[in-house]
Protein backbone atom coordinates (compact mmCIF):
# COMPACT_ATOMS: atom_id res chain seq x y z
CA MET A 1 4.21 6.07 37.11
CA LEU A 2 6.80 8.57 36.51
CA ILE A 3 5.49 11.44 34.16
CA ALA A 4 8.47 13.24 32.26
CA LYS A 5 8.00 16.95 32.78
CA GLY A 6 9.99 17.77 29.36
CA LYS A 7 8.45 17.90 25.67
CA LEU A 8 9.14 15.59 22.81
CA ILE A 9 8.80 16.95 19.31
CA ALA A 10 9.02 14.14 16.90
CA ILE A 11 9.03 15.42 13.17
CA GLY A 12 8.56 13.35 10.02
CA GLY A 13 11.26 15.02 7.92
CA ALA A 14 11.85 15.90 4.52
CA GLU A 15 15.41 16.82 3.90
CA ASP A 16 17.85 13.90 2.81
CA LYS A 17 19.65 12.44 5.89
CA GLY A 18 22.57 11.11 3.97
CA THR A 19 21.49 7.60 3.49
CA ASP A 20 20.83 7.97 -0.13
CA LEU A 21 24.45 9.34 -0.74
CA GLU A 22 25.96 6.06 0.47
CA SER A 23 24.63 4.48 -2.81
CA GLY A 24 25.48 7.55 -4.83
CA LYS A 25 21.89 8.48 -5.85
CA ILE A 26 22.24 12.18 -5.03
CA GLN A 27 24.51 14.82 -4.76
CA ARG A 28 25.72 16.76 -1.60
CA ASN A 29 24.04 19.95 -2.72
CA ASN A 30 20.82 18.49 -2.51
CA LEU A 31 20.05 18.68 1.20
CA ASN A 32 16.47 19.90 1.14
CA PHE A 33 15.55 20.89 4.59
CA PHE A 34 11.72 20.48 5.75
CA GLU A 35 9.85 23.73 6.10
CA LEU A 36 11.17 26.46 8.64
CA GLY A 37 7.63 26.51 10.15
CA ILE A 38 8.32 23.42 12.15
CA LEU A 39 11.75 24.63 13.32
CA THR A 40 10.03 27.85 14.35
CA ARG A 41 7.70 26.09 16.69
CA VAL A 42 10.61 24.30 18.16
CA VAL A 43 12.09 27.53 18.86
CA GLU A 44 8.94 28.81 20.51
CA GLU A 45 8.62 25.90 22.72
CA ALA A 46 12.31 26.23 23.90
CA GLY A 47 11.47 30.10 24.80
CA GLY A 48 12.55 31.97 21.77
CA PRO A 49 15.74 32.54 19.50
CA LEU A 50 17.97 33.00 22.43
CA CYS A 51 17.68 29.27 23.54
CA ARG A 52 20.68 27.09 23.31
CA ILE A 53 20.27 24.15 20.93
CA GLU A 54 22.49 21.15 20.33
CA VAL A 55 22.21 19.27 17.20
CA ILE A 56 23.31 15.63 17.12
CA THR A 57 24.07 14.35 13.71
CA THR A 58 25.14 10.75 14.74
CA ALA A 59 22.41 8.93 12.73
CA SER A 60 23.81 10.57 9.42
CA MET A 61 26.64 9.55 7.39
CA ILE A 62 27.16 13.05 6.11
CA PRO A 63 27.38 14.78 9.40
CA TYR A 64 29.21 17.94 8.47
CA GLU A 65 26.69 18.64 5.68
CA VAL A 66 23.52 17.97 7.78
CA GLY A 67 25.22 20.18 10.75
CA ASP A 68 25.74 23.07 8.48
CA ASN A 69 22.04 22.72 7.09
CA TYR A 70 20.82 23.01 10.54
CA LEU A 71 23.08 25.91 11.39
CA ASN A 72 21.63 27.81 8.14
CA ALA A 73 18.05 26.74 8.70
CA PHE A 74 17.98 27.94 12.50
CA GLY A 75 19.83 31.07 11.32
CA LYS A 76 17.04 32.20 9.12
CA ILE A 77 14.54 32.35 12.01
CA GLY A 78 16.98 34.29 14.17
CA CYS A 79 18.81 31.68 16.21
CA THR A 80 22.62 32.07 16.65
CA ASN A 81 23.28 29.95 19.82
CA ILE A 82 23.66 26.56 18.12
CA GLY A 83 25.79 24.01 18.65
CA VAL A 84 26.53 20.78 16.63
CA MET A 85 27.47 17.57 17.88
CA HIS A 86 29.32 15.04 15.33
CA ILE A 87 29.42 12.09 17.68
CA ARG A 88 30.46 8.98 15.50
CA ASN A 89 30.69 6.25 17.99
CA ARG A 90 30.33 5.56 21.95
CA ALA A 91 33.77 6.59 22.53
CA ASP A 92 32.77 10.07 21.25
CA ALA A 93 29.68 9.92 23.55
CA ALA A 94 31.79 9.54 26.69
CA SER A 95 33.47 13.13 26.06
CA ASP A 96 33.34 15.42 29.15
CA ASP A 97 32.87 18.39 26.55
CA TYR A 98 29.82 16.82 25.02
CA ALA A 99 28.18 16.12 28.40
CA GLU A 100 28.77 19.57 29.84
CA ARG A 101 27.21 20.94 26.55
CA ILE A 102 23.99 18.72 27.14
CA SER A 103 23.73 20.01 30.77
CA LYS A 104 23.38 23.51 29.86
CA CYS A 105 21.22 23.38 26.43
CA ASP A 106 17.63 24.05 26.31
CA VAL A 107 16.88 21.75 23.20
CA VAL A 108 18.80 18.51 21.93
CA MET A 109 17.80 18.01 18.19
CA PHE A 110 18.53 14.33 16.78
CA SER A 111 19.06 14.66 12.76
CA GLY A 112 17.91 11.96 10.49
CA GLY A 113 19.63 9.28 8.81
CA ASN A 114 19.82 5.65 10.27
CA GLN A 115 17.94 5.28 13.68
CA LEU A 116 19.82 2.08 14.54
CA ARG A 117 22.84 4.21 14.73
CA LEU A 118 21.04 6.48 17.42
CA SER A 119 20.12 3.36 19.59
CA SER A 120 23.44 1.63 19.06
CA THR A 121 25.56 4.50 19.84
CA PHE A 122 23.89 5.94 22.83
CA GLY A 123 22.23 2.93 24.39
CA GLY A 124 23.40 2.82 28.03
CA THR A 125 25.62 5.49 27.89
CA GLU A 126 26.07 8.36 30.82
CA PHE A 127 25.73 10.73 27.95
CA PHE A 128 22.17 9.70 27.04
CA GLN A 129 21.22 9.30 30.79
CA LYS A 130 22.06 13.13 31.20
CA ILE A 131 19.31 13.68 28.35
CA MET A 132 16.84 11.53 29.76
CA ASP A 133 17.29 12.97 33.50
CA ARG A 134 16.82 16.12 32.09
CA TYR A 135 13.87 15.12 29.92
CA ILE A 136 12.19 13.60 32.88
CA ASN A 137 12.88 16.27 35.42
CA GLU A 138 13.01 19.77 33.56
CA GLU A 139 9.63 21.26 32.19
CA ASN A 140 11.49 23.53 29.69
CA PHE A 141 13.88 20.68 28.43
CA ILE A 142 12.94 19.57 24.81
CA VAL A 143 14.03 16.50 22.94
CA ALA A 144 13.25 17.11 19.09
CA GLY A 145 14.26 14.67 16.30
CA THR A 146 13.67 14.41 12.53
CA SER A 147 12.97 11.24 10.64
CA ALA A 148 15.29 8.81 11.99
CA GLY A 149 15.77 10.94 15.04
CA ALA A 150 12.08 10.86 15.57
CA MET A 151 11.67 7.13 15.07
CA ALA A 152 14.34 6.35 17.62
CA MET A 153 12.29 8.28 20.48
CA SER A 154 10.24 5.35 21.27
CA ASN A 155 10.89 2.29 23.27
CA THR A 156 9.74 0.16 20.30
CA MET A 157 11.57 1.21 17.07
CA ILE A 158 11.33 0.06 13.55
CA TYR A 159 14.60 -0.21 12.09
CA GLU A 160 14.18 -1.57 8.55
CA GLY A 161 11.16 -2.45 6.42
CA ASN A 162 10.73 -2.05 2.77
CA ALA A 163 7.30 -0.47 2.14
CA THR A 164 6.34 -2.54 -1.08
CA ARG A 165 6.59 -5.80 1.12
CA ALA A 166 5.57 -4.65 4.55
CA HIS A 167 2.41 -6.49 4.37
CA LEU A 168 4.21 -9.69 4.37
CA LYS A 169 5.38 -11.11 7.80
CA GLY A 170 8.77 -10.73 8.88
CA GLU A 171 9.68 -7.87 6.46
CA VAL A 172 9.51 -5.36 9.22
CA LYS A 173 12.33 -5.32 11.69
CA ILE A 174 11.76 -4.05 15.09
CA THR A 175 14.12 -3.57 18.03
CA THR A 176 14.47 -1.08 21.32
CA GLY A 177 14.99 2.44 20.57
CA LEU A 178 16.01 5.23 22.95
CA GLY A 179 12.83 4.81 25.02
CA PHE A 180 11.69 8.71 25.33
CA MET A 181 8.09 7.41 25.27
CA ASN A 182 6.48 4.13 25.83
CA ASP A 183 3.48 2.28 24.20
CA VAL A 184 3.91 4.14 20.94
CA ILE A 185 5.94 3.24 17.79
CA PHE A 186 7.18 6.26 15.26
CA ASP A 187 7.47 6.06 11.65
CA SER A 188 8.41 8.94 9.28
CA HIS A 189 8.07 10.24 5.66
CA PHE A 190 4.91 8.27 6.28
CA GLU A 191 2.51 8.99 3.28
CA LYS A 192 5.32 10.13 0.93
CA ARG A 193 7.18 6.78 1.01
CA GLY A 194 3.93 4.56 1.45
CA ARG A 195 4.46 3.24 5.06
CA PHE A 196 1.06 2.42 6.23
CA GLY A 197 1.65 -1.42 6.00
CA ARG A 198 5.01 -0.97 7.57
CA LEU A 199 3.64 0.66 10.65
CA ALA A 200 0.13 -1.50 10.79
CA GLN A 201 2.41 -4.78 10.74
CA ALA A 202 4.60 -3.31 13.57
CA VAL A 203 1.51 -2.31 15.61
CA ALA A 204 -0.12 -5.88 14.99
CA ALA A 205 3.08 -7.33 16.32
CA ASN A 206 3.05 -4.96 19.31
CA PRO A 207 -0.75 -3.97 19.75
CA SER A 208 0.10 -2.55 23.09
CA CYS A 209 1.50 0.16 21.18
CA ILE A 210 -0.02 3.13 19.15
CA GLY A 211 1.15 3.65 15.92
CA ILE A 212 2.40 7.23 14.85
CA GLY A 213 2.95 7.96 11.33
CA LEU A 214 4.61 11.20 10.57
CA GLY A 215 4.05 13.07 7.40
CA GLU A 216 6.88 15.27 5.75
CA ASP A 217 6.85 18.64 7.17
CA THR A 218 4.68 17.59 10.09
CA GLY A 219 5.17 16.87 13.53
CA MET A 220 3.82 15.80 16.95
CA ILE A 221 4.60 17.83 20.26
CA VAL A 222 4.31 15.32 23.06
CA THR A 223 3.87 16.66 26.84
CA GLY A 224 3.43 14.44 29.70
CA GLY A 225 4.67 11.58 27.43
CA ASN A 226 0.94 11.38 26.54
CA MET A 227 -0.65 14.43 25.27
CA MET A 228 0.01 14.94 21.45
CA GLU A 229 -0.58 17.96 19.36
CA ALA A 230 0.02 17.69 15.36
CA ILE A 231 1.98 20.39 13.92
CA GLY A 232 3.16 21.36 10.32
CA SER A 233 1.28 21.40 7.02
CA GLY A 234 0.81 17.56 6.53
CA LEU A 235 -0.56 14.49 8.01
CA VAL A 236 -0.04 12.31 11.14
CA MET A 237 -1.94 9.06 10.92
CA ILE A 238 -2.58 7.17 14.34
CA ILE A 239 -2.82 3.37 14.27
CA ASP A 240 -4.55 1.90 17.02
CA GLY A 241 -4.44 -1.89 17.35
CA HIS A 242 -5.88 -2.28 20.93
CA ASP A 243 -9.02 -3.50 19.77
CA ILE A 244 -8.03 -5.90 17.05
CA LEU A 245 -10.44 -8.89 16.93
CA HIS A 246 -8.42 -11.23 14.43
CA SER A 247 -4.61 -11.30 13.68
CA ASN A 248 -2.93 -14.21 12.04
CA ILE A 249 0.73 -12.73 12.80
CA ALA A 250 1.65 -15.10 15.16
CA ASP A 251 0.56 -18.33 13.15
CA ILE A 252 1.67 -17.75 9.70
CA PRO A 253 5.11 -18.48 8.02
CA ASP A 254 7.45 -15.51 7.22
CA GLY A 255 6.83 -14.28 3.89
CA ASN A 256 2.95 -14.75 4.13
CA PRO A 257 0.50 -11.95 4.14
CA ILE A 258 -0.88 -10.53 7.44
CA SER A 259 -4.65 -10.46 8.11
CA LEU A 260 -5.96 -7.96 10.77
CA GLN A 261 -9.53 -7.20 11.57
CA ASN A 262 -10.76 -3.90 13.51
CA LEU A 263 -7.67 -2.02 13.34
CA LYS A 264 -8.58 1.73 14.34
CA VAL A 265 -6.92 4.52 12.28
CA HIS A 266 -7.13 8.55 12.82
CA PHE A 267 -5.92 11.28 10.49
CA CYS A 268 -4.69 14.32 12.39
CA GLU A 269 -3.98 17.72 10.63
CA HIS A 270 -2.40 20.61 12.05
CA GLY A 271 -4.29 21.48 15.46
CA ASN A 272 -5.54 17.98 15.95
CA GLY A 273 -4.20 15.83 18.93
CA TYR A 274 -4.23 12.57 20.64
CA LEU A 275 -4.08 11.16 24.08
CA VAL A 276 -2.00 7.97 24.21
CA LYS A 277 -3.08 6.50 27.38
CA GLU A 278 -6.53 7.35 26.99
CA ARG A 279 -6.49 6.48 23.01
CA LYS A 280 -8.78 9.43 22.46
CA PHE A 281 -8.60 11.65 19.23
CA LEU A 282 -8.57 15.43 20.02
CA LEU A 283 -10.21 17.70 17.66
CA ASN A 284 -8.58 20.67 19.41
CA ALA A 285 -5.34 19.66 20.81
CA ARG A 286 -4.60 22.92 22.98
CA GLU A 287 -8.13 23.00 24.03
CA GLY A 288 -7.70 19.17 24.88
CA SER A 289 -4.48 20.23 26.95
CA VAL A 290 -6.31 22.99 29.05
CA ILE A 291 -9.20 20.52 30.23
CA LYS A 292 -6.58 17.43 30.78
CA LYS A 293 -4.88 20.33 32.89
CA GLN A 294 -8.14 21.19 34.91
CA VAL A 295 -9.18 17.58 35.49
CA ASP A 296 -5.46 16.66 36.68
CA VAL A 297 -5.97 19.73 39.40
CA GLU A 298 -9.38 18.92 40.38
């Protein structure tokens, strides 16, 4: 099995991505960016403030505001080599200029918004394949994403699901994501928006996948497509359905409550980690990473 050499940084989000603006609920000056500590870690992983970062705003319906927000936020931590790609459709993604910029950057950062815009815009494109090839083959290449940008990272992706009705079969909609990581399902704004039931149903329907619920101002750094380290100030919840003993999800009509037995849950704070393939909680992710490397060498 091919092991990716690059890193994923999936962030739970905290800033508005433009989706609420479509319904007129907020004003454009209310873009409330997530804490800079998360971005600082992204920059550290990329080698420092001189790294080249390309922000992709495709998921958002207010791309210029979101792009400026990233420029300002990265600027506060000393980064000036930042580009923004306002790719709105598949024709834009075919631009030679964007392809060249992707080949030269150190970090690709997907903004929040609507994750279905990401999968439908980039799926099957040469532009996306360039990103995937670099992620698989280059140790220092980073793919980061917040909110929708994080949710689209997995092969199995939630694209819709009201938290108040997520305990009912059929209320959680799933499709294929960008596929940087298999056998996981990411969800964002996890505890703030009460999304436990949503992710639990997604895992119940796909028990081979590990559910990763990302809190706001919180993220997971993933190395080798397997080793995860929690970063930030909040909570990451891991939902493991491998050992489910009872599930009614295949047998009940849509709209009925689901029933599950033996669903496993782990809470990860800053510094904790998780090995996806081994389904193992790590108290000290960095220490676990060193041990894992030693075992691999031996």
